[in-house]
Amino acid sequence: MKIAITGKGGVGKTTFASLLCRAFANDGAKVVAVDADPDANFAAALGIPADRAAELQPVARMKELAEERTGASGGYGSFFKLNPKVNDLPEKFCLEHDGVRFLWMGTLEQGGSGCACPESTLVKRLMGHLLLERDEVVVMDMEAGLEHLGRRTAESVDALVVVVEPGQRSLQTAQQIMRLAADVGIDEVYVVGSKVRDEEDRRLIEEAVPSERLLGAISFCEGVRLADRDNLPPDRLSPEALREVREIKARLLHLRAK
């Protein structure tokens, strides 16, 4: 499975992404967790100690590596390879922790995200390699946009999961993401509710999302809040949240098997 997770900032998508990684890893899957969100905190949600995470550098900012792999020289506007070698990069730059391999992809600086520059080429080629050429479960924590996914790689995403909280702004963002996903060729778009406190919250989400697109919901949980406060993985303090995500995972696999 290749799963991209997105949603409005603050809805709990990184928490969900980390719990989904844990659910797959606990079932024996090889899991690669990819942080492609500019507000990068996936590593902390996976329980990676801060001192180890501090050693990481995002691939999107590895200018020298990008120039080496693409053969770029002479600065902006020079010729370079559009299909650089990347198959060795996951082994070089993934950090393994508690059965999950973590890769900080990063995002390109504002103003250059759409350019055909060496860094952009390297990031998109590496994303394509992860989605098209490897057999692990890949869980990508993304920003609300889908800039990393060109049409070819987007078509290889098995599921785009939009995390929403029970509020109109979050649900409106989800509708925008769904339209954007259709534009780049992603057909399998699903929704997960987050921070659901009561039946009214649950009903708001259910009324806004078609039933065949709704995977389930994660209840508001004090354990998840404490895990965030204490920089611990949410499954450590909230087995209930992990149980709910396991149910969401099972529904996703069921829908994908149809």
C-alpha atoms as a PDB file:
ATOM      1  CA  MET A   1       0.000   0.000   0.000  1.00  0.00           C
ATOM      2  CA  LYS A   2       1.131   3.513  -0.854  1.00  0.00           C
ATOM      3  CA  ILE A   3      -0.859   5.978   1.223  1.00  0.00           C
ATOM      4  CA  ALA A   4      -0.706   9.787   1.172  1.00  0.00           C
ATOM      5  CA  ILE A   5      -2.222  11.567   4.161  1.00  0.00           C
ATOM      6  CA  THR A   6      -3.237  15.187   4.021  1.00  0.00           C
ATOM      7  CA  GLY A   7      -5.596  17.706   5.551  1.00  0.00           C
ATOM      8  CA  LYS A   8      -5.863  21.192   6.978  1.00  0.00           C
ATOM      9  CA  GLY A   9      -3.165  22.132   9.472  1.00  0.00           C
ATOM     10  CA  GLY A  10      -3.897  21.120  13.048  1.00  0.00           C
ATOM     11  CA  VAL A  11      -6.501  18.453  12.329  1.00  0.00           C
ATOM     12  CA  GLY A  12      -4.344  15.595  13.602  1.00  0.00           C
ATOM     13  CA  LYS A  13      -3.084  14.101  10.338  1.00  0.00           C
ATOM     14  CA  THR A  14       0.439  13.481  11.660  1.00  0.00           C
ATOM     15  CA  THR A  15      -1.004  11.700  14.686  1.00  0.00           C
ATOM     16  CA  PHE A  16      -3.112   9.559  12.373  1.00  0.00           C
ATOM     17  CA  ALA A  17      -0.142   8.905  10.067  1.00  0.00           C
ATOM     18  CA  SER A  18       2.009   7.705  12.969  1.00  0.00           C
ATOM     19  CA  LEU A  19      -0.746   5.432  14.297  1.00  0.00           C
ATOM     20  CA  LEU A  20      -1.292   3.994  10.823  1.00  0.00           C
ATOM     21  CA  CYS A  21       2.426   3.232  10.536  1.00  0.00           C
ATOM     22  CA  ARG A  22       2.280   1.493  13.902  1.00  0.00           C
ATOM     23  CA  ALA A  23      -0.800  -0.521  12.877  1.00  0.00           C
ATOM     24  CA  PHE A  24       0.924  -1.786   9.724  1.00  0.00           C
ATOM     25  CA  ALA A  25       4.243  -2.450  11.493  1.00  0.00           C
ATOM     26  CA  ASN A  26       2.539  -4.382  14.293  1.00  0.00           C
ATOM     27  CA  ASP A  27       1.062  -6.655  11.625  1.00  0.00           C
ATOM     28  CA  GLY A  28       4.516  -7.412  10.250  1.00  0.00           C
ATOM     29  CA  ALA A  29       4.594  -5.057   7.262  1.00  0.00           C
ATOM     30  CA  LYS A  30       7.733  -3.247   6.163  1.00  0.00           C
ATOM     31  CA  VAL A  31       6.857   0.410   6.608  1.00  0.00           C
ATOM     32  CA  VAL A  32       8.475   3.573   5.268  1.00  0.00           C
ATOM     33  CA  ALA A  33       7.184   6.801   6.822  1.00  0.00           C
ATOM     34  CA  VAL A  34       7.821   9.871   4.671  1.00  0.00           C
ATOM     35  CA  ASP A  35       7.547  13.403   6.055  1.00  0.00           C
ATOM     36  CA  ALA A  36       6.675  15.762   3.199  1.00  0.00           C
ATOM     37  CA  ASP A  37       5.038  18.443   5.343  1.00  0.00           C
ATOM     38  CA  PRO A  38       6.817  21.801   5.809  1.00  0.00           C
ATOM     39  CA  ASP A  39       5.692  21.715   9.458  1.00  0.00           C
ATOM     40  CA  ALA A  40       7.797  18.610   9.998  1.00  0.00           C
ATOM     41  CA  ASN A  41       6.947  16.691  13.177  1.00  0.00           C
ATOM     42  CA  PHE A  42       6.340  13.165  11.876  1.00  0.00           C
ATOM     43  CA  ALA A  43       9.575  11.953  13.480  1.00  0.00           C
ATOM     44  CA  ALA A  44       8.429  13.015  16.936  1.00  0.00           C
ATOM     45  CA  ALA A  45       5.016  11.385  16.434  1.00  0.00           C
ATOM     46  CA  LEU A  46       6.785   8.123  15.580  1.00  0.00           C
ATOM     47  CA  GLY A  47       8.705   8.325  18.852  1.00  0.00           C
ATOM     48  CA  ILE A  48      12.099   9.053  17.298  1.00  0.00           C
ATOM     49  CA  PRO A  49      14.231  10.704  20.017  1.00  0.00           C
ATOM     50  CA  ALA A  50      14.905  14.394  19.440  1.00  0.00           C
ATOM     51  CA  ASP A  51      18.689  13.928  19.378  1.00  0.00           C
ATOM     52  CA  ARG A  52      18.431  11.353  16.570  1.00  0.00           C
ATOM     53  CA  ALA A  53      15.912  13.437  14.639  1.00  0.00           C
ATOM     54  CA  ALA A  54      18.218  16.466  14.905  1.00  0.00           C
ATOM     55  CA  GLU A  55      20.808  14.596  12.839  1.00  0.00           C
ATOM     56  CA  LEU A  56      18.447  14.359   9.876  1.00  0.00           C
ATOM     57  CA  GLN A  57      18.419  16.686   6.896  1.00  0.00           C
ATOM     58  CA  PRO A  58      15.530  16.928   4.418  1.00  0.00           C
ATOM     59  CA  VAL A  59      16.276  15.559   0.974  1.00  0.00           C
ATOM     60  CA  ALA A  60      14.677  18.656  -0.563  1.00  0.00           C
ATOM     61  CA  ARG A  61      17.505  20.808   0.833  1.00  0.00           C
ATOM     62  CA  MET A  62      20.395  18.575  -0.204  1.00  0.00           C
ATOM     63  CA  LYS A  63      21.634  20.893  -2.927  1.00  0.00           C
ATOM     64  CA  GLU A  64      25.017  19.188  -3.370  1.00  0.00           C
ATOM     65  CA  LEU A  65      23.408  15.745  -3.589  1.00  0.00           C
ATOM     66  CA  ALA A  66      20.857  17.022  -6.100  1.00  0.00           C
ATOM     67  CA  GLU A  67      23.587  18.529  -8.260  1.00  0.00           C
ATOM     68  CA  GLU A  68      25.701  15.367  -8.034  1.00  0.00           C
ATOM     69  CA  ARG A  69      22.842  13.025  -8.981  1.00  0.00           C
ATOM     70  CA  THR A  70      21.434  15.195 -11.756  1.00  0.00           C
ATOM     71  CA  GLY A  71      24.800  16.290 -13.114  1.00  0.00           C
ATOM     72  CA  ALA A  72      23.807  19.929 -12.776  1.00  0.00           C
ATOM     73  CA  SER A  73      26.562  22.515 -13.150  1.00  0.00           C
ATOM     74  CA  GLY A  74      26.779  26.153 -14.019  1.00  0.00           C
ATOM     75  CA  GLY A  75      23.955  27.320 -11.763  1.00  0.00           C
ATOM     76  CA  TYR A  76      20.319  28.051 -12.555  1.00  0.00           C
ATOM     77  CA  GLY A  77      19.325  27.287 -16.140  1.00  0.00           C
ATOM     78  CA  SER A  78      21.996  24.653 -16.737  1.00  0.00           C
ATOM     79  CA  PHE A  79      21.240  21.257 -18.258  1.00  0.00           C
ATOM     80  CA  PHE A  80      20.805  18.253 -15.940  1.00  0.00           C
ATOM     81  CA  LYS A  81      19.394  14.747 -15.847  1.00  0.00           C
ATOM     82  CA  LEU A  82      15.656  14.431 -15.294  1.00  0.00           C
ATOM     83  CA  ASN A  83      15.924  10.778 -14.246  1.00  0.00           C
ATOM     84  CA  PRO A  84      18.741  10.645 -11.672  1.00  0.00           C
ATOM     85  CA  LYS A  85      19.712   7.535  -9.743  1.00  0.00           C
ATOM     86  CA  VAL A  86      17.832   7.406  -6.431  1.00  0.00           C
ATOM     87  CA  ASN A  87      17.374   3.707  -5.594  1.00  0.00           C
ATOM     88  CA  ASP A  88      20.175   3.811  -2.995  1.00  0.00           C
ATOM     89  CA  LEU A  89      18.889   6.921  -1.210  1.00  0.00           C
ATOM     90  CA  PRO A  90      16.296   5.295   1.083  1.00  0.00           C
ATOM     91  CA  GLU A  91      19.021   3.074   2.548  1.00  0.00           C
ATOM     92  CA  LYS A  92      21.355   6.055   2.937  1.00  0.00           C
ATOM     93  CA  PHE A  93      18.928   8.478   4.535  1.00  0.00           C
ATOM     94  CA  CYS A  94      16.175   6.439   6.228  1.00  0.00           C
ATOM     95  CA  LEU A  95      16.333   6.308  10.008  1.00  0.00           C
ATOM     96  CA  GLU A  96      14.889   3.120  11.490  1.00  0.00           C
ATOM     97  CA  HIS A  97      13.040   3.260  14.782  1.00  0.00           C
ATOM     98  CA  ASP A  98      10.830   0.655  16.422  1.00  0.00           C
ATOM     99  CA  GLY A  99      10.205  -1.239  13.192  1.00  0.00           C
ATOM    100  CA  VAL A 100       9.450   1.804  11.012  1.00  0.00           C
ATOM    101  CA  ARG A 101      11.882   3.419   8.588  1.00  0.00           C
ATOM    102  CA  PHE A 102      11.600   7.199   8.493  1.00  0.00           C
ATOM    103  CA  LEU A 103      12.612   9.490   5.621  1.00  0.00           C
ATOM    104  CA  TRP A 104      12.491  13.273   5.873  1.00  0.00           C
ATOM    105  CA  MET A 105      11.656  14.318   2.342  1.00  0.00           C
ATOM    106  CA  GLY A 106      11.002  17.944   3.173  1.00  0.00           C
ATOM    107  CA  THR A 107       9.459  20.496   0.841  1.00  0.00           C
ATOM    108  CA  LEU A 108      10.986  22.857  -1.661  1.00  0.00           C
ATOM    109  CA  GLU A 109      11.366  26.499  -0.719  1.00  0.00           C
ATOM    110  CA  GLN A 110       8.461  28.746  -1.626  1.00  0.00           C
ATOM    111  CA  GLY A 111       8.939  30.205  -5.066  1.00  0.00           C
ATOM    112  CA  GLY A 112      10.915  27.249  -6.348  1.00  0.00           C
ATOM    113  CA  SER A 113       8.429  24.445  -5.784  1.00  0.00           C
ATOM    114  CA  GLY A 114       7.235  24.529  -9.357  1.00  0.00           C
ATOM    115  CA  CYS A 115      10.589  24.928 -11.058  1.00  0.00           C
ATOM    116  CA  ALA A 116      12.498  22.267 -12.949  1.00  0.00           C
ATOM    117  CA  CYS A 117      15.527  22.642 -10.673  1.00  0.00           C
ATOM    118  CA  PRO A 118      17.881  19.843  -9.517  1.00  0.00           C
ATOM    119  CA  GLU A 119      16.341  19.700  -6.018  1.00  0.00           C
ATOM    120  CA  SER A 120      12.802  19.462  -7.393  1.00  0.00           C
ATOM    121  CA  THR A 121      13.873  16.787  -9.860  1.00  0.00           C
ATOM    122  CA  LEU A 122      15.560  14.734  -7.135  1.00  0.00           C
ATOM    123  CA  VAL A 123      12.585  14.928  -4.770  1.00  0.00           C
ATOM    124  CA  LYS A 124      10.032  13.968  -7.417  1.00  0.00           C
ATOM    125  CA  ARG A 125      12.218  11.145  -8.726  1.00  0.00           C
ATOM    126  CA  LEU A 126      12.724   9.781  -5.205  1.00  0.00           C
ATOM    127  CA  MET A 127       8.994  10.003  -4.500  1.00  0.00           C
ATOM    128  CA  GLY A 128       8.332   8.122  -7.715  1.00  0.00           C
ATOM    129  CA  HIS A 129      10.856   5.458  -6.722  1.00  0.00           C
ATOM    130  CA  LEU A 130       9.171   4.936  -3.348  1.00  0.00           C
ATOM    131  CA  LEU A 131       5.730   4.666  -4.915  1.00  0.00           C
ATOM    132  CA  LEU A 132       6.501   2.768  -8.090  1.00  0.00           C
ATOM    133  CA  GLU A 133       9.531   0.605  -7.507  1.00  0.00           C
ATOM    134  CA  ARG A 134       9.489  -0.632  -3.909  1.00  0.00           C
ATOM    135  CA  ASP A 135       7.308  -3.155  -2.093  1.00  0.00           C
ATOM    136  CA  GLU A 136       7.072  -1.580   1.354  1.00  0.00           C
ATOM    137  CA  VAL A 137       4.028   0.087   2.815  1.00  0.00           C
ATOM    138  CA  VAL A 138       4.665   3.800   2.282  1.00  0.00           C
ATOM    139  CA  VAL A 139       2.822   6.311   4.471  1.00  0.00           C
ATOM    140  CA  MET A 140       3.383   9.936   3.453  1.00  0.00           C
ATOM    141  CA  ASP A 141       2.510  12.791   5.777  1.00  0.00           C
ATOM    142  CA  MET A 142       1.846  15.662   3.370  1.00  0.00           C
ATOM    143  CA  GLU A 143       0.757  19.260   3.449  1.00  0.00           C
ATOM    144  CA  ALA A 144      -2.678  20.210   2.173  1.00  0.00           C
ATOM    145  CA  GLY A 145      -1.310  20.571  -1.360  1.00  0.00           C
ATOM    146  CA  LEU A 146      -0.089  17.727  -3.536  1.00  0.00           C
ATOM    147  CA  GLU A 147       3.000  19.404  -4.989  1.00  0.00           C
ATOM    148  CA  HIS A 148       5.184  16.323  -4.580  1.00  0.00           C
ATOM    149  CA  LEU A 149       2.910  14.182  -6.709  1.00  0.00           C
ATOM    150  CA  GLY A 150       3.181  14.558 -10.452  1.00  0.00           C
ATOM    151  CA  ARG A 151       0.584  12.775 -12.553  1.00  0.00           C
ATOM    152  CA  ARG A 152       2.629   9.575 -12.953  1.00  0.00           C
ATOM    153  CA  THR A 153       3.379   9.163  -9.258  1.00  0.00           C
ATOM    154  CA  ALA A 154      -0.109  10.279  -8.223  1.00  0.00           C
ATOM    155  CA  GLU A 155      -1.593   7.430 -10.223  1.00  0.00           C
ATOM    156  CA  SER A 156       0.499   5.039  -8.115  1.00  0.00           C
ATOM    157  CA  VAL A 157      -0.932   6.210  -4.786  1.00  0.00           C
ATOM    158  CA  ASP A 158      -3.285   3.486  -3.593  1.00  0.00           C
ATOM    159  CA  ALA A 159      -5.152   5.867  -1.335  1.00  0.00           C
ATOM    160  CA  LEU A 160      -5.217   9.546  -0.497  1.00  0.00           C
ATOM    161  CA  VAL A 161      -6.592   9.939   3.017  1.00  0.00           C
ATOM    162  CA  VAL A 162      -7.873  13.360   4.042  1.00  0.00           C
ATOM    163  CA  VAL A 163      -8.036  13.888   7.799  1.00  0.00           C
ATOM    164  CA  VAL A 164     -10.786  16.234   8.976  1.00  0.00           C
ATOM    165  CA  GLU A 165     -11.979  17.518  12.302  1.00  0.00           C
ATOM    166  CA  PRO A 166     -15.648  18.280  12.949  1.00  0.00           C
ATOM    167  CA  GLY A 167     -15.717  21.833  11.623  1.00  0.00           C
ATOM    168  CA  GLN A 168     -16.802  23.559   8.446  1.00  0.00           C
ATOM    169  CA  ARG A 169     -13.377  24.960   7.527  1.00  0.00           C
ATOM    170  CA  SER A 170     -11.761  21.557   7.798  1.00  0.00           C
ATOM    171  CA  LEU A 171     -14.499  19.943   5.725  1.00  0.00           C
ATOM    172  CA  GLN A 172     -14.223  22.679   3.083  1.00  0.00           C
ATOM    173  CA  THR A 173     -10.477  22.059   2.839  1.00  0.00           C
ATOM    174  CA  ALA A 174     -11.202  18.367   2.373  1.00  0.00           C
ATOM    175  CA  GLN A 175     -13.502  19.123  -0.569  1.00  0.00           C
ATOM    176  CA  GLN A 176     -10.778  21.259  -2.166  1.00  0.00           C
ATOM    177  CA  ILE A 177      -8.208  18.492  -1.720  1.00  0.00           C
ATOM    178  CA  MET A 178     -10.578  15.966  -3.295  1.00  0.00           C
ATOM    179  CA  ARG A 179     -10.963  18.170  -6.372  1.00  0.00           C
ATOM    180  CA  LEU A 180      -7.187  18.626  -6.603  1.00  0.00           C
ATOM    181  CA  ALA A 181      -6.672  14.869  -6.274  1.00  0.00           C
ATOM    182  CA  ALA A 182      -9.028  14.242  -9.176  1.00  0.00           C
ATOM    183  CA  ASP A 183      -7.051  16.719 -11.276  1.00  0.00           C
ATOM    184  CA  VAL A 184      -3.813  14.732 -10.822  1.00  0.00           C
ATOM    185  CA  GLY A 185      -5.389  11.332 -11.327  1.00  0.00           C
ATOM    186  CA  ILE A 186      -5.956  10.031  -7.793  1.00  0.00           C
ATOM    187  CA  ASP A 187      -9.242   8.115  -7.774  1.00  0.00           C
ATOM    188  CA  GLU A 188      -9.098   6.481  -4.360  1.00  0.00           C
ATOM    189  CA  VAL A 189      -9.733   9.387  -1.969  1.00  0.00           C
ATOM    190  CA  TYR A 190     -10.961   8.680   1.541  1.00  0.00           C
ATOM    191  CA  VAL A 191     -11.725  10.671   4.688  1.00  0.00           C
ATOM    192  CA  VAL A 192     -10.929  10.032   8.346  1.00  0.00           C
ATOM    193  CA  GLY A 193     -12.521  12.028  11.137  1.00  0.00           C
ATOM    194  CA  SER A 194     -10.312  13.283  13.949  1.00  0.00           C
ATOM    195  CA  LYS A 195     -10.887  14.767  17.413  1.00  0.00           C
ATOM    196  CA  VAL A 196     -14.461  13.504  17.464  1.00  0.00           C
ATOM    197  CA  ARG A 197     -15.985  14.222  20.876  1.00  0.00           C
ATOM    198  CA  ASP A 198     -19.615  13.125  20.548  1.00  0.00           C
ATOM    199  CA  GLU A 199     -22.352  11.910  18.229  1.00  0.00           C
ATOM    200  CA  GLU A 200     -23.000  15.413  16.899  1.00  0.00           C
ATOM    201  CA  ASP A 201     -19.370  15.651  15.767  1.00  0.00           C
ATOM    202  CA  ARG A 202     -19.621  12.237  14.177  1.00  0.00           C
ATOM    203  CA  ARG A 203     -22.902  13.083  12.434  1.00  0.00           C
ATOM    204  CA  LEU A 204     -21.472  16.341  11.012  1.00  0.00           C
ATOM    205  CA  ILE A 205     -18.687  14.420   9.294  1.00  0.00           C
ATOM    206  CA  GLU A 206     -20.957  11.592   8.145  1.00  0.00           C
ATOM    207  CA  GLU A 207     -23.393  14.057   6.550  1.00  0.00           C
ATOM    208  CA  ALA A 208     -20.584  15.858   4.693  1.00  0.00           C
ATOM    209  CA  VAL A 209     -18.746  12.788   3.381  1.00  0.00           C
ATOM    210  CA  PRO A 210     -20.164  10.002   1.169  1.00  0.00           C
ATOM    211  CA  SER A 211     -20.286   6.741   3.119  1.00  0.00           C
ATOM    212  CA  GLU A 212     -18.097   4.923   0.585  1.00  0.00           C
ATOM    213  CA  ARG A 213     -15.377   7.536   1.175  1.00  0.00           C
ATOM    214  CA  LEU A 214     -15.491   7.603   4.981  1.00  0.00           C
ATOM    215  CA  LEU A 215     -13.057   5.208   6.656  1.00  0.00           C
ATOM    216  CA  GLY A 216     -13.961   5.995  10.253  1.00  0.00           C
ATOM    217  CA  ALA A 217     -13.038   8.399  13.004  1.00  0.00           C
ATOM    218  CA  ILE A 218     -10.602   8.857  15.866  1.00  0.00           C
ATOM    219  CA  SER A 219     -12.138  10.026  19.109  1.00  0.00           C
ATOM    220  CA  PHE A 220     -10.779  13.025  20.981  1.00  0.00           C
ATOM    221  CA  CYS A 221      -8.402  11.474  23.477  1.00  0.00           C
ATOM    222  CA  GLU A 222      -6.555  12.834  26.471  1.00  0.00           C
ATOM    223  CA  GLY A 223      -3.813  10.273  25.920  1.00  0.00           C
ATOM    224  CA  VAL A 224      -3.066  11.671  22.453  1.00  0.00           C
ATOM    225  CA  ARG A 225      -2.886  15.191  23.892  1.00  0.00           C
ATOM    226  CA  LEU A 226      -0.497  14.075  26.615  1.00  0.00           C
ATOM    227  CA  ALA A 227       1.641  12.207  24.091  1.00  0.00           C
ATOM    228  CA  ASP A 228       1.997  15.401  22.077  1.00  0.00           C
ATOM    229  CA  ARG A 229       2.840  17.390  25.195  1.00  0.00           C
ATOM    230  CA  ASP A 230       5.466  14.887  26.343  1.00  0.00           C
ATOM    231  CA  ASN A 231       6.873  14.196  22.838  1.00  0.00           C
ATOM    232  CA  LEU A 232       5.853  10.547  22.893  1.00  0.00           C
ATOM    233  CA  PRO A 233       4.277   8.408  20.146  1.00  0.00           C
ATOM    234  CA  PRO A 234       0.469   8.507  20.568  1.00  0.00           C
ATOM    235  CA  ASP A 235       0.115   4.710  20.627  1.00  0.00           C
ATOM    236  CA  ARG A 236       2.165   4.688  23.832  1.00  0.00           C
ATOM    237  CA  LEU A 237      -0.432   6.632  25.817  1.00  0.00           C
ATOM    238  CA  SER A 238      -3.574   5.886  23.844  1.00  0.00           C
ATOM    239  CA  PRO A 239      -4.177   2.225  23.000  1.00  0.00           C
ATOM    240  CA  GLU A 240      -7.784   3.221  22.236  1.00  0.00           C
ATOM    241  CA  ALA A 241      -6.643   5.521  19.415  1.00  0.00           C
ATOM    242  CA  LEU A 242      -4.494   2.726  18.011  1.00  0.00           C
ATOM    243  CA  ARG A 243      -7.501   0.372  18.138  1.00  0.00           C
ATOM    244  CA  GLU A 244      -9.602   2.879  16.187  1.00  0.00           C
ATOM    245  CA  VAL A 245      -6.859   3.281  13.586  1.00  0.00           C
ATOM    246  CA  ARG A 246      -6.574  -0.483  13.236  1.00  0.00           C
ATOM    247  CA  GLU A 247     -10.296  -0.510  12.385  1.00  0.00           C
ATOM    248  CA  ILE A 248      -9.730   2.292   9.859  1.00  0.00           C
ATOM    249  CA  LYS A 249      -6.850   0.328   8.331  1.00  0.00           C
ATOM    250  CA  ALA A 250      -9.042  -2.781   8.044  1.00  0.00           C
ATOM    251  CA  ARG A 251     -11.797  -0.811   6.275  1.00  0.00           C
ATOM    252  CA  LEU A 252      -9.272   0.731   3.879  1.00  0.00           C
ATOM    253  CA  LEU A 253      -7.881  -2.690   2.971  1.00  0.00           C
ATOM    254  CA  HIS A 254     -11.409  -4.027   2.549  1.00  0.00           C
ATOM    255  CA  LEU A 255     -12.422  -1.199   0.225  1.00  0.00           C
ATOM    256  CA  ARG A 256      -9.223  -1.505  -1.780  1.00  0.00           C
ATOM    257  CA  ALA A 257      -9.791  -5.251  -2.205  1.00  0.00           C
ATOM    258  CA  LYS A 258     -13.200  -4.761  -3.844  1.00  0.00           C
END
